[in-house]
Amino acid sequence: MPPLPYLVFWYDGRNDFMADNTVYQKIVSVTLELYSSRKDFWAEERVECVLEANNIVYEKNETYIASEKMLEQVYEFEVLLE
């Protein structure tokens, strides 16, 4: 495991907009996770500033993982592909 804090992300799949047998907009679902040893307002603010600067609307959830003794911030959002 890398030293805390760190970020991981992955693509959760696609939710394309389709009609008339045509894909009009490709949409990728993304999950971004920030792991830290304690509440890290500075790191969270940096992540959120990047998302907001790129007009990315996100949902955020926080979970404490007792077995790992770390805090997880989960950001979920969608990205439109060209």
Protein backbone atom coordinates (compact mmCIF):
# COMPACT_ATOMS: atom_id res chain seq x y z
CA MET A 1 0.00 0.00 0.00
CA PRO A 2 1.36 3.48 -0.83
CA PRO A 3 1.84 6.06 1.92
CA LEU A 4 -1.24 8.10 2.87
CA PRO A 5 -2.79 10.22 1.49
CA TYR A 6 -3.28 8.79 -2.00
CA LEU A 7 -5.86 8.70 -4.79
CA VAL A 8 -7.20 5.87 -6.91
CA PHE A 9 -9.76 6.00 -9.68
CA TRP A 10 -11.48 3.65 -12.07
CA TYR A 11 -14.13 3.63 -14.74
CA ASP A 12 -17.38 2.10 -13.48
CA GLY A 13 -18.81 1.57 -16.94
CA ARG A 14 -20.72 3.52 -19.53
CA ASN A 15 -24.16 5.04 -19.60
CA ASP A 16 -24.33 6.29 -23.20
CA PHE A 17 -27.20 8.38 -24.54
CA MET A 18 -28.67 6.50 -27.49
CA ALA A 19 -31.65 6.84 -29.79
CA ASP A 20 -32.60 5.58 -33.26
CA ASN A 21 -29.77 3.00 -33.18
CA THR A 22 -27.20 5.77 -32.76
CA VAL A 23 -24.94 6.70 -29.86
CA TYR A 24 -25.36 10.45 -29.53
CA GLN A 25 -23.20 10.91 -26.44
CA LYS A 26 -20.67 8.57 -24.86
CA ILE A 27 -20.82 8.86 -21.05
CA VAL A 28 -18.29 7.21 -18.73
CA SER A 29 -18.99 6.73 -15.01
CA VAL A 30 -15.93 7.38 -12.83
CA THR A 31 -15.17 6.72 -9.16
CA LEU A 32 -12.32 8.62 -7.50
CA GLU A 33 -11.24 7.66 -3.97
CA LEU A 34 -9.06 9.70 -1.63
CA TYR A 35 -7.52 7.76 1.26
CA SER A 36 -6.00 9.47 4.30
CA SER A 37 -5.07 8.67 7.89
CA ARG A 38 -7.34 11.45 9.22
CA LYS A 39 -9.74 14.08 7.93
CA ASP A 40 -7.67 15.99 5.35
CA PHE A 41 -9.59 19.13 4.42
CA TRP A 42 -6.69 20.45 2.32
CA ALA A 43 -6.51 17.31 0.12
CA GLU A 44 -10.29 17.19 -0.25
CA GLU A 45 -10.37 20.85 -1.27
CA ARG A 46 -7.68 20.27 -3.91
CA VAL A 47 -9.63 17.34 -5.43
CA GLU A 48 -12.87 19.31 -5.39
CA CYS A 49 -11.25 22.40 -6.94
CA VAL A 50 -9.97 20.33 -9.87
CA LEU A 51 -13.38 18.74 -10.41
CA GLU A 52 -15.20 22.06 -10.17
CA ALA A 53 -12.69 23.89 -12.38
CA ASN A 54 -13.53 21.34 -15.07
CA ASN A 55 -17.29 21.71 -14.56
CA ILE A 56 -17.61 18.16 -13.21
CA VAL A 57 -20.65 17.61 -11.02
CA TYR A 58 -19.92 14.96 -8.38
CA GLU A 59 -21.40 13.13 -5.43
CA LYS A 60 -19.22 12.72 -2.34
CA ASN A 61 -19.36 10.14 0.46
CA GLU A 62 -17.08 9.55 3.45
CA THR A 63 -16.34 6.24 5.16
CA TYR A 64 -13.92 5.26 7.91
CA ILE A 65 -12.28 1.88 7.25
CA ALA A 66 -11.53 0.61 10.75
CA SER A 67 -9.58 -2.46 9.61
CA GLU A 68 -7.17 -0.22 7.65
CA LYS A 69 -7.31 2.72 10.09
CA MET A 70 -7.95 5.18 7.30
CA LEU A 71 -10.59 7.53 5.99
CA GLU A 72 -12.01 7.16 2.48
CA GLN A 73 -13.57 10.02 0.51
CA VAL A 74 -15.46 8.73 -2.55
CA TYR A 75 -16.26 11.03 -5.47
CA GLU A 76 -18.59 9.70 -8.17
CA PHE A 77 -19.19 11.53 -11.44
CA GLU A 78 -19.72 11.11 -15.15
CA VAL A 79 -17.54 12.32 -18.02
CA LEU A 80 -18.78 13.04 -21.52
CA LEU A 81 -16.53 11.67 -24.27
CA GLU A 82 -16.23 13.16 -27.75
